[in-house]
């Protein structure tokens, strides 16, 4: 029985650790880690490093959190997770390394610049020194671990990851007699392990293909109302670029707030797991707080730099809506359908634009249909208040088949940057659209 030491940060990778422990124990191995610790009088760091020194194989899992840095007996100010890895290297332990894929849908951790810098440096070192596997979620990680362990035990790898060089034996002198017999066949268990490894590798590859090209659909409506009392939770529910957002209290309610967005880095939901939206209805309300632009991305991709980019642009009192294909932070071709909206006096600071968009796939490509209504706060109505307009865009190439939503201001993307704009977003609702047999998409709740 082989003893594996499981090393990672805990709170962000708890489910991943459970999945890996389960698969290792099902394979008949012993697992050491913080889950099995009991009070034995030793400090946690001392206990962790002692277990690393005793194990046969070190398993390191790294995501987006550097982890706790002990204050005592730690002159280099390394986290417990990095200290465990350093101990495994010093003791020449066999090591299996798994790193979260940079495109995985995963919450960002609220750590300081120094911790993020140290984590980035550690991940670069791991990728350079080891053969690393990249995972998107706990299911894919568990499958990768089972394949790696089977391969490790089969080939009896050295601690540095290289296979041992075979010793060269002198050729035997020719002996008279009958022709030498062929070597005996390898034991059947090696063939069984090889077959199991190939099968598991096939499962992993199929799962990676599904996650990357056909992820699961988020099954229900997702509602984001921005509350002052949930500011800390907002940082976990959304991937919000540092220094590019704030909350502003709304007049109607002391707790309700609006999300202020500035800068061309995309703010995106981070609490969908690995699920996405295919055909769906998006509803949100925006205001121009500073500058003359507000923008959003439909079917936003996990890289935070791709999707269907739409921009509302004010020119004096005239309002334009335009769309592009955005890929890797670069604008592609404009989407047919640039729209001059019919409002005659838009937009004062009291004016809000309620945006409803249906994004669907059909035989003619991906279609985005807008219904936009101009609203004003109570007591600040104008002659355009409650007027609506429609807009229709289509991507014949259907570049993006799924995604979520992104919020940004397009300074520096659609034209040279100015002094920077700020838009105010009061809520965001995303609702899947179901397809009826023989017809197009339909929303069970009806259009809002």
Protein backbone atom coordinates (compact mmCIF):
# COMPACT_ATOMS: atom_id res chain seq x y z
CA UNK A 1 0.00 0.00 0.00
CA UNK A 2 1.41 3.39 -1.04
CA UNK A 3 1.07 6.45 1.19
CA UNK A 4 0.14 9.71 -0.55
CA UNK A 5 0.39 13.15 1.06
CA UNK A 6 -2.30 15.53 -0.23
CA UNK A 7 -1.11 19.17 -0.23
CA UNK A 8 -3.22 22.23 -1.11
CA UNK A 9 -4.94 25.25 0.35
CA UNK A 10 -8.11 24.14 2.10
CA UNK A 11 -11.17 26.40 1.95
CA UNK A 12 -11.08 26.95 -1.83
CA UNK A 13 -10.19 23.32 -2.65
CA UNK A 14 -12.17 21.41 -0.03
CA UNK A 15 -14.39 19.63 -2.60
CA UNK A 16 -11.36 18.84 -4.78
CA UNK A 17 -9.54 17.30 -1.80
CA UNK A 18 -12.55 15.14 -0.97
CA UNK A 19 -12.75 13.86 -4.56
CA UNK A 20 -9.01 13.04 -4.67
CA UNK A 21 -9.05 11.32 -1.25
CA UNK A 22 -11.99 9.21 -2.38
CA UNK A 23 -10.37 8.02 -5.61
CA UNK A 24 -7.02 7.25 -3.92
CA UNK A 25 -8.67 5.21 -1.19
CA UNK A 26 -10.79 3.36 -3.75
CA UNK A 27 -7.49 2.39 -5.42
CA UNK A 28 -6.33 0.89 -2.11
CA UNK A 29 -3.88 3.60 -0.99
CA UNK A 30 -3.41 5.52 2.25
CA UNK A 31 -3.93 9.28 2.20
CA UNK A 32 -2.37 11.72 4.66
CA UNK A 33 -3.51 15.32 4.93
CA UNK A 34 -5.16 17.87 7.17
CA UNK A 35 -8.51 16.00 7.08
CA UNK A 36 -7.05 13.12 9.13
CA UNK A 37 -5.23 15.21 11.76
CA UNK A 38 -6.03 14.86 15.45
CA UNK A 39 -4.62 16.80 18.37
CA UNK A 40 -1.21 15.22 19.11
CA UNK A 41 0.58 18.14 20.76
CA UNK A 42 2.51 19.31 17.71
CA UNK A 43 2.01 22.59 15.83
CA UNK A 44 0.14 22.15 12.49
CA UNK A 45 3.21 23.13 10.42
CA UNK A 46 5.45 20.64 12.20
CA UNK A 47 2.85 17.90 11.74
CA UNK A 48 2.40 18.68 8.02
CA UNK A 49 6.11 18.65 7.22
CA UNK A 50 6.68 15.45 9.21
CA UNK A 51 3.95 13.70 7.21
CA UNK A 52 5.44 14.93 3.94
CA UNK A 53 8.78 13.45 4.99
CA UNK A 54 7.17 10.05 5.73
CA UNK A 55 4.98 9.73 2.62
CA UNK A 56 5.82 7.78 -0.53
CA UNK A 57 4.26 10.24 -2.99
CA UNK A 58 3.50 13.98 -2.72
CA UNK A 59 0.32 15.18 -4.49
CA UNK A 60 0.20 18.98 -4.91
CA UNK A 61 -2.98 20.80 -6.00
CA UNK A 62 -2.74 24.54 -6.77
CA UNK A 63 -5.58 26.94 -7.65
CA UNK A 64 -5.82 30.73 -7.13
CA UNK A 65 -4.96 31.00 -3.44
CA UNK A 66 -1.42 31.16 -2.01
CA UNK A 67 -2.54 30.22 1.47
CA UNK A 68 -1.72 30.83 5.13
CA UNK A 69 1.80 32.04 5.97
CA UNK A 70 2.95 30.90 9.47
CA UNK A 71 4.66 33.55 11.55
CA UNK A 72 7.01 31.30 13.56
CA UNK A 73 10.04 29.37 12.26
CA UNK A 74 9.40 30.70 8.78
CA UNK A 75 12.16 33.19 7.88
CA UNK A 76 11.30 33.14 4.14
CA UNK A 77 7.60 33.85 4.87
CA UNK A 78 6.34 30.95 2.73
CA UNK A 79 2.81 29.55 2.93
CA UNK A 80 2.25 26.12 4.47
CA UNK A 81 1.40 24.79 1.00
CA UNK A 82 4.72 25.98 -0.48
CA UNK A 83 6.64 24.71 2.58
CA UNK A 84 5.10 21.26 2.04
CA UNK A 85 6.22 21.31 -1.59
CA UNK A 86 9.76 22.44 -0.66
CA UNK A 87 10.00 19.62 1.90
CA UNK A 88 8.91 17.06 -0.70
CA UNK A 89 11.61 18.31 -3.10
CA UNK A 90 14.31 18.27 -0.40
CA UNK A 91 13.38 14.70 0.59
CA UNK A 92 13.36 13.65 -3.10
CA UNK A 93 9.75 12.45 -2.93
CA UNK A 94 7.88 11.34 -6.02
CA UNK A 95 5.61 14.26 -6.94
CA UNK A 96 2.33 14.57 -8.86
CA UNK A 97 1.38 18.20 -9.61
CA UNK A 98 -2.08 19.46 -10.62
CA UNK A 99 -2.80 23.14 -11.41
CA UNK A 100 -6.15 24.86 -12.04
CA UNK A 101 -6.50 25.80 -15.71
CA UNK A 102 -6.33 29.56 -16.26
CA UNK A 103 -9.62 29.43 -18.22
CA UNK A 104 -11.51 27.49 -15.54
CA UNK A 105 -14.62 29.16 -14.11
CA UNK A 106 -13.36 29.68 -10.56
CA UNK A 107 -13.77 32.36 -8.00
CA UNK A 108 -10.89 34.83 -7.57
CA UNK A 109 -9.35 34.90 -4.11
CA UNK A 110 -9.14 38.07 -2.04
CA UNK A 111 -5.40 38.03 -1.33
CA UNK A 112 -2.84 40.81 -1.44
CA UNK A 113 -0.44 41.64 -4.23
CA UNK A 114 2.45 39.88 -2.46
CA UNK A 115 0.52 36.60 -2.14
CA UNK A 116 -0.58 36.76 -5.79
CA UNK A 117 3.03 37.41 -6.87
CA UNK A 118 4.32 34.46 -4.82
CA UNK A 119 1.60 32.15 -6.20
CA UNK A 120 2.38 33.16 -9.78
CA UNK A 121 6.10 32.48 -9.23
CA UNK A 122 5.37 29.10 -7.63
CA UNK A 123 3.07 28.02 -10.47
CA UNK A 124 5.73 28.97 -13.03
CA UNK A 125 8.33 26.92 -11.15
CA UNK A 126 6.02 23.91 -10.91
CA UNK A 127 5.26 24.00 -14.64
CA UNK A 128 8.99 24.19 -15.39
CA UNK A 129 10.19 21.47 -13.02
CA UNK A 130 7.39 18.89 -13.36
CA UNK A 131 5.03 17.34 -15.86
CA UNK A 132 1.89 19.19 -14.78
CA UNK A 133 -1.79 18.32 -15.34
CA UNK A 134 -4.29 21.19 -15.66
CA UNK A 135 -7.87 20.73 -14.38
CA UNK A 136 -11.16 22.67 -14.57
CA UNK A 137 -13.13 21.15 -11.66
CA UNK A 138 -13.06 18.39 -9.04
CA UNK A 139 -14.40 15.67 -11.36
CA UNK A 140 -11.71 16.22 -13.96
CA UNK A 141 -9.06 16.45 -11.20
CA UNK A 142 -10.10 13.09 -9.68
CA UNK A 143 -9.90 11.39 -13.08
CA UNK A 144 -6.45 12.90 -13.74
CA UNK A 145 -5.18 11.75 -10.34
CA UNK A 146 -6.31 8.15 -10.94
CA UNK A 147 -4.55 8.04 -14.34
CA UNK A 148 -1.36 9.63 -12.96
CA UNK A 149 -1.20 7.26 -10.00
CA UNK A 150 -1.72 4.18 -12.18
CA UNK A 151 1.03 5.38 -14.52
CA UNK A 152 3.38 6.22 -11.63
CA UNK A 153 3.04 2.82 -9.99
CA UNK A 154 3.33 1.02 -13.31
CA UNK A 155 6.55 2.69 -14.43
CA UNK A 156 8.08 3.17 -10.94
CA UNK A 157 9.21 6.73 -11.69
CA UNK A 158 12.08 8.41 -9.89
CA UNK A 159 11.35 11.32 -7.49
CA UNK A 160 12.48 13.83 -10.12
CA UNK A 161 9.97 12.47 -12.62
CA UNK A 162 12.49 10.63 -14.86
CA UNK A 163 12.36 6.94 -15.58
CA UNK A 164 15.40 4.99 -14.32
CA UNK A 165 18.04 4.16 -16.86
CA UNK A 166 18.28 0.38 -17.40
CA UNK A 167 21.53 -1.21 -16.39
CA UNK A 168 23.46 -2.62 -19.34
CA UNK A 169 24.43 -6.26 -18.98
CA UNK A 170 27.14 -7.96 -21.05
CA UNK A 171 25.83 -10.09 -23.84
CA UNK A 172 26.01 -13.78 -22.90
CA UNK A 173 28.50 -15.92 -24.73
CA UNK A 174 27.01 -18.09 -27.43
CA UNK A 175 26.19 -21.54 -26.11
CA UNK A 176 25.74 -24.60 -28.21
CA UNK A 177 22.39 -26.21 -28.16
CA UNK A 178 18.84 -25.55 -29.28
CA UNK A 179 17.60 -22.08 -30.23
CA UNK A 180 16.93 -19.94 -27.14
CA UNK A 181 13.31 -19.69 -26.04
CA UNK A 182 11.41 -16.36 -26.22
CA UNK A 183 11.06 -14.51 -22.91
CA UNK A 184 8.01 -15.42 -20.85
CA UNK A 185 4.95 -13.18 -21.27
CA UNK A 186 4.52 -10.25 -18.92
CA UNK A 187 2.15 -10.84 -15.99
CA UNK A 188 -1.51 -10.23 -16.85
CA UNK A 189 -1.87 -7.53 -14.19
CA UNK A 190 0.36 -5.16 -16.15
CA UNK A 191 -1.88 -5.52 -19.18
CA UNK A 192 -4.91 -4.88 -16.98
CA UNK A 193 -3.31 -1.74 -15.52
CA UNK A 194 -2.35 -0.52 -18.97
CA UNK A 195 -5.91 -1.07 -20.23
CA UNK A 196 -7.31 0.73 -17.17
CA UNK A 197 -4.93 3.63 -17.75
CA UNK A 198 -5.94 3.96 -21.40
CA UNK A 199 -9.65 3.81 -20.47
CA UNK A 200 -9.27 6.47 -17.77
CA UNK A 201 -7.25 8.67 -20.12
CA UNK A 202 -10.05 8.38 -22.67
CA UNK A 203 -12.60 9.42 -20.04
CA UNK A 204 -10.46 12.43 -19.06
CA UNK A 205 -10.04 13.54 -22.67
CA UNK A 206 -13.77 13.18 -23.37
CA UNK A 207 -14.62 15.12 -20.22
CA UNK A 208 -12.17 17.89 -21.10
CA UNK A 209 -13.70 18.09 -24.58
CA UNK A 210 -17.19 18.37 -23.12
CA UNK A 211 -16.19 21.04 -20.56
CA UNK A 212 -14.36 23.09 -23.17
CA UNK A 213 -16.79 22.82 -26.08
CA UNK A 214 -20.14 21.76 -24.58
CA UNK A 215 -20.35 22.71 -20.89
CA UNK A 216 -23.50 22.14 -18.84
CA UNK A 217 -26.25 24.76 -18.98
CA UNK A 218 -27.15 26.76 -15.89
CA UNK A 219 -30.65 25.36 -15.26
CA UNK A 220 -32.50 28.29 -13.69
CA UNK A 221 -32.68 32.06 -13.68
CA UNK A 222 -29.71 33.83 -12.07
CA UNK A 223 -30.50 37.13 -10.36
CA UNK A 224 -27.95 39.66 -9.19
CA UNK A 225 -29.23 42.51 -7.01
CA UNK A 226 -26.42 44.56 -5.54
CA UNK A 227 -26.84 45.07 -1.77
CA UNK A 228 -24.62 47.19 0.46
CA UNK A 229 -24.87 44.58 3.23
CA UNK A 230 -23.45 41.90 0.92
CA UNK A 231 -20.39 43.78 -0.30
CA UNK A 232 -17.99 41.03 0.78
CA UNK A 233 -20.12 38.32 -0.81
CA UNK A 234 -20.26 40.31 -4.05
CA UNK A 235 -16.50 39.84 -4.40
CA UNK A 236 -17.05 36.08 -4.44
CA UNK A 237 -20.14 36.10 -6.66
CA UNK A 238 -18.45 38.30 -9.29
CA UNK A 239 -14.95 38.47 -10.75
CA UNK A 240 -14.39 42.20 -10.25
CA UNK A 241 -11.12 43.81 -11.44
CA UNK A 242 -9.23 45.59 -8.69
CA UNK A 243 -9.91 49.32 -8.62
CA UNK A 244 -12.53 49.11 -11.37
CA UNK A 245 -15.75 48.90 -9.34
CA UNK A 246 -17.64 50.35 -6.39
CA UNK A 247 -21.13 50.27 -4.89
CA UNK A 248 -23.45 53.29 -4.73
CA UNK A 249 -26.56 53.36 -2.55
CA UNK A 250 -29.86 53.76 -4.41
CA UNK A 251 -32.37 56.34 -3.21
CA UNK A 252 -35.35 53.97 -3.01
CA UNK A 253 -33.92 51.64 -0.37
CA UNK A 254 -31.16 52.01 2.19
CA UNK A 255 -29.67 48.57 1.43
CA UNK A 256 -30.10 48.39 -2.35
CA UNK A 257 -27.13 49.62 -4.32
CA UNK A 258 -25.90 49.95 -7.89
CA UNK A 259 -22.63 48.56 -9.21
CA UNK A 260 -20.32 51.24 -10.59
CA UNK A 261 -18.07 49.96 -13.39
CA UNK A 262 -15.10 51.69 -14.97
CA UNK A 263 -12.21 50.51 -17.13
CA UNK A 264 -12.05 48.08 -20.05
CA UNK A 265 -11.39 44.95 -17.97
CA UNK A 266 -14.50 42.81 -17.81
CA UNK A 267 -16.48 42.20 -14.59
CA UNK A 268 -18.09 38.73 -14.80
CA UNK A 269 -20.13 36.35 -12.63
CA UNK A 270 -17.89 33.90 -10.77
CA UNK A 271 -20.50 31.78 -8.97
CA UNK A 272 -21.82 29.71 -11.90
CA UNK A 273 -19.27 26.93 -11.39
CA UNK A 274 -18.55 25.24 -14.71
CA UNK A 275 -22.07 25.98 -16.01
CA UNK A 276 -22.91 28.52 -18.72
CA UNK A 277 -25.89 30.05 -20.55
CA UNK A 278 -26.78 29.01 -24.09
CA UNK A 279 -29.97 30.61 -25.49
CA UNK A 280 -31.00 33.06 -22.81
CA UNK A 281 -32.68 36.34 -21.90
CA UNK A 282 -30.58 39.05 -20.26
CA UNK A 283 -32.10 42.00 -18.41
CA UNK A 284 -30.25 44.83 -16.70
CA UNK A 285 -30.51 48.58 -16.13
CA UNK A 286 -27.65 51.00 -16.85
CA UNK A 287 -27.00 54.73 -16.48
CA UNK A 288 -24.27 57.02 -17.73
CA UNK A 289 -22.55 58.29 -14.57
CA UNK A 290 -19.42 59.72 -16.17
CA UNK A 291 -18.42 59.88 -19.83
CA UNK A 292 -20.45 59.00 -22.90
CA UNK A 293 -20.19 55.20 -23.08
CA UNK A 294 -21.64 52.13 -21.40
CA UNK A 295 -20.93 48.59 -22.54
CA UNK A 296 -21.54 44.92 -21.85
CA UNK A 297 -20.62 41.52 -23.31
CA UNK A 298 -23.12 38.74 -24.00
CA UNK A 299 -21.89 35.15 -24.05
CA UNK A 300 -18.77 36.37 -22.29
CA UNK A 301 -16.03 33.71 -22.31
CA UNK A 302 -14.07 32.48 -19.26
CA UNK A 303 -10.94 34.35 -20.39
CA UNK A 304 -12.71 37.65 -19.65
CA UNK A 305 -11.60 39.02 -23.03
CA UNK A 306 -14.02 37.47 -25.54
CA UNK A 307 -17.72 37.47 -26.43
CA UNK A 308 -20.27 39.72 -28.18
CA UNK A 309 -19.40 43.29 -27.19
CA UNK A 310 -22.11 45.97 -27.30
CA UNK A 311 -21.62 49.68 -26.71
CA UNK A 312 -24.11 52.46 -26.01
CA UNK A 313 -22.55 55.74 -27.13
CA UNK A 314 -23.89 59.24 -26.56
CA UNK A 315 -23.22 61.98 -29.06
CA UNK A 316 -24.78 65.08 -27.48
CA UNK A 317 -28.43 63.98 -27.11
CA UNK A 318 -28.28 61.15 -29.67
CA UNK A 319 -27.79 57.56 -28.60
CA UNK A 320 -26.21 54.77 -30.72
CA UNK A 321 -26.04 51.03 -30.07
CA UNK A 322 -23.28 49.08 -31.85
CA UNK A 323 -21.94 45.52 -31.58
CA UNK A 324 -18.71 43.63 -32.37
CA UNK A 325 -17.16 40.20 -32.07
CA UNK A 326 -14.53 40.54 -29.31
CA UNK A 327 -11.80 37.86 -29.26
CA UNK A 328 -8.85 37.86 -26.88
CA UNK A 329 -9.38 41.55 -26.11
CA UNK A 330 -9.31 42.53 -29.83
CA UNK A 331 -12.24 43.77 -31.85
CA UNK A 332 -13.31 41.68 -34.81
CA UNK A 333 -15.86 42.58 -37.45
CA UNK A 334 -18.80 44.78 -36.41
CA UNK A 335 -22.09 42.92 -36.13
CA UNK A 336 -24.66 44.01 -38.74
CA UNK A 337 -27.35 46.12 -37.14
CA UNK A 338 -25.87 49.36 -35.75
CA UNK A 339 -28.85 51.25 -34.33
CA UNK A 340 -29.66 54.93 -33.84
CA UNK A 341 -32.08 54.84 -30.91
CA UNK A 342 -35.07 57.09 -31.22
CA UNK A 343 -34.84 58.99 -27.92
CA UNK A 344 -34.57 62.69 -28.62
CA UNK A 345 -33.09 63.95 -25.35
CA UNK A 346 -30.88 61.26 -23.82
CA UNK A 347 -29.43 61.02 -21.35
CA UNK A 348 -29.50 63.05 -18.14
CA UNK A 349 -28.03 61.63 -14.95
CA UNK A 350 -31.57 60.81 -13.84
CA UNK A 351 -32.21 58.73 -16.98
CA UNK A 352 -31.81 54.96 -16.94
CA UNK A 353 -31.89 52.50 -19.85
CA UNK A 354 -33.59 49.19 -19.13
CA UNK A 355 -32.02 46.66 -21.51
CA UNK A 356 -33.70 43.37 -22.45
CA UNK A 357 -31.81 41.07 -24.82
CA UNK A 358 -32.63 37.64 -26.22
CA UNK A 359 -29.60 35.77 -27.59
CA UNK A 360 -30.43 32.63 -29.58
CA UNK A 361 -28.88 30.29 -32.14
CA UNK A 362 -30.68 29.34 -35.34
CA UNK A 363 -30.10 28.30 -38.94
CA UNK A 364 -28.97 31.83 -39.85
CA UNK A 365 -26.40 32.09 -37.00
CA UNK A 366 -26.49 33.75 -33.59
CA UNK A 367 -29.14 36.45 -33.21
CA UNK A 368 -29.27 39.12 -30.50
CA UNK A 369 -32.60 40.97 -30.26
CA UNK A 370 -32.84 44.05 -28.04
CA UNK A 371 -35.76 45.82 -26.41
CA UNK A 372 -34.51 48.99 -24.70
CA UNK A 373 -36.68 51.35 -22.64
CA UNK A 374 -35.76 54.79 -21.36
CA UNK A 375 -36.82 55.42 -17.76
CA UNK A 376 -36.32 58.37 -15.42
CA UNK A 377 -36.43 58.52 -11.67
CA UNK A 378 -39.70 59.57 -10.09
CA UNK A 379 -39.93 63.34 -10.20
CA UNK A 380 -37.43 63.64 -13.04
CA UNK A 381 -39.46 62.41 -16.00
CA UNK A 382 -38.85 63.77 -19.49
CA UNK A 383 -40.81 63.64 -22.72
CA UNK A 384 -38.91 60.46 -23.62
CA UNK A 385 -39.64 58.67 -20.35
CA UNK A 386 -41.05 55.15 -20.83
CA UNK A 387 -40.32 55.18 -24.57
CA UNK A 388 -38.98 51.94 -26.05
CA UNK A 389 -36.93 50.96 -29.08
CA UNK A 390 -35.85 47.72 -30.74
CA UNK A 391 -32.50 46.61 -32.20
CA UNK A 392 -31.46 43.40 -33.93
CA UNK A 393 -27.94 42.03 -34.49
CA UNK A 394 -26.76 38.76 -36.07
CA UNK A 395 -23.47 36.84 -36.21
CA UNK A 396 -23.73 34.49 -39.20
CA UNK A 397 -20.60 32.63 -38.07
CA UNK A 398 -22.09 31.86 -34.62
CA UNK A 399 -18.66 32.58 -33.11
CA UNK A 400 -19.72 32.01 -29.50
CA UNK A 401 -22.18 29.25 -28.62
CA UNK A 402 -22.34 29.84 -24.86
CA UNK A 403 -21.04 32.06 -22.06
CA UNK A 404 -22.23 34.40 -19.30
CA UNK A 405 -22.28 38.21 -19.11
CA UNK A 406 -19.57 40.84 -18.75
CA UNK A 407 -19.71 44.53 -17.76
CA UNK A 408 -17.12 47.13 -18.78
CA UNK A 409 -16.50 50.60 -20.19
CA UNK A 410 -14.92 50.49 -23.63
CA UNK A 411 -12.30 53.27 -23.38
CA UNK A 412 -9.28 52.11 -25.35
CA UNK A 413 -11.13 49.25 -27.08
CA UNK A 414 -13.47 50.84 -29.63
CA UNK A 415 -11.49 54.09 -29.88
CA UNK A 416 -8.52 55.76 -28.12
CA UNK A 417 -8.95 56.09 -24.37
CA UNK A 418 -10.25 59.35 -22.91
CA UNK A 419 -10.27 60.37 -19.26
CA UNK A 420 -12.33 57.27 -18.44
CA UNK A 421 -16.05 56.73 -18.07
CA UNK A 422 -18.20 55.19 -15.34
CA UNK A 423 -21.48 53.36 -15.85
CA UNK A 424 -23.98 52.39 -13.19
CA UNK A 425 -25.62 48.96 -13.27
CA UNK A 426 -28.62 48.52 -10.99
CA UNK A 427 -29.31 44.78 -11.44
CA UNK A 428 -28.56 41.85 -13.76
CA UNK A 429 -30.93 38.94 -14.45
CA UNK A 430 -30.07 35.98 -16.74
CA UNK A 431 -32.83 33.53 -17.73
CA UNK A 432 -32.42 30.40 -19.93
CA UNK A 433 -34.68 30.25 -23.00
CA UNK A 434 -36.28 26.88 -23.73
CA UNK A 435 -36.88 25.68 -27.27
CA UNK A 436 -40.33 24.52 -28.24
CA UNK A 437 -40.68 21.55 -30.58
CA UNK A 438 -40.79 22.75 -34.17
CA UNK A 439 -40.26 26.39 -33.20
CA UNK A 440 -37.80 28.94 -31.97
CA UNK A 441 -36.75 29.70 -28.44
CA UNK A 442 -39.38 30.65 -25.92
CA UNK A 443 -39.16 31.96 -22.40
CA UNK A 444 -41.50 30.08 -20.09
CA UNK A 445 -42.00 33.22 -17.99
CA UNK A 446 -42.61 35.43 -20.99
CA UNK A 447 -40.80 38.56 -22.03
CA UNK A 448 -40.39 41.20 -19.34
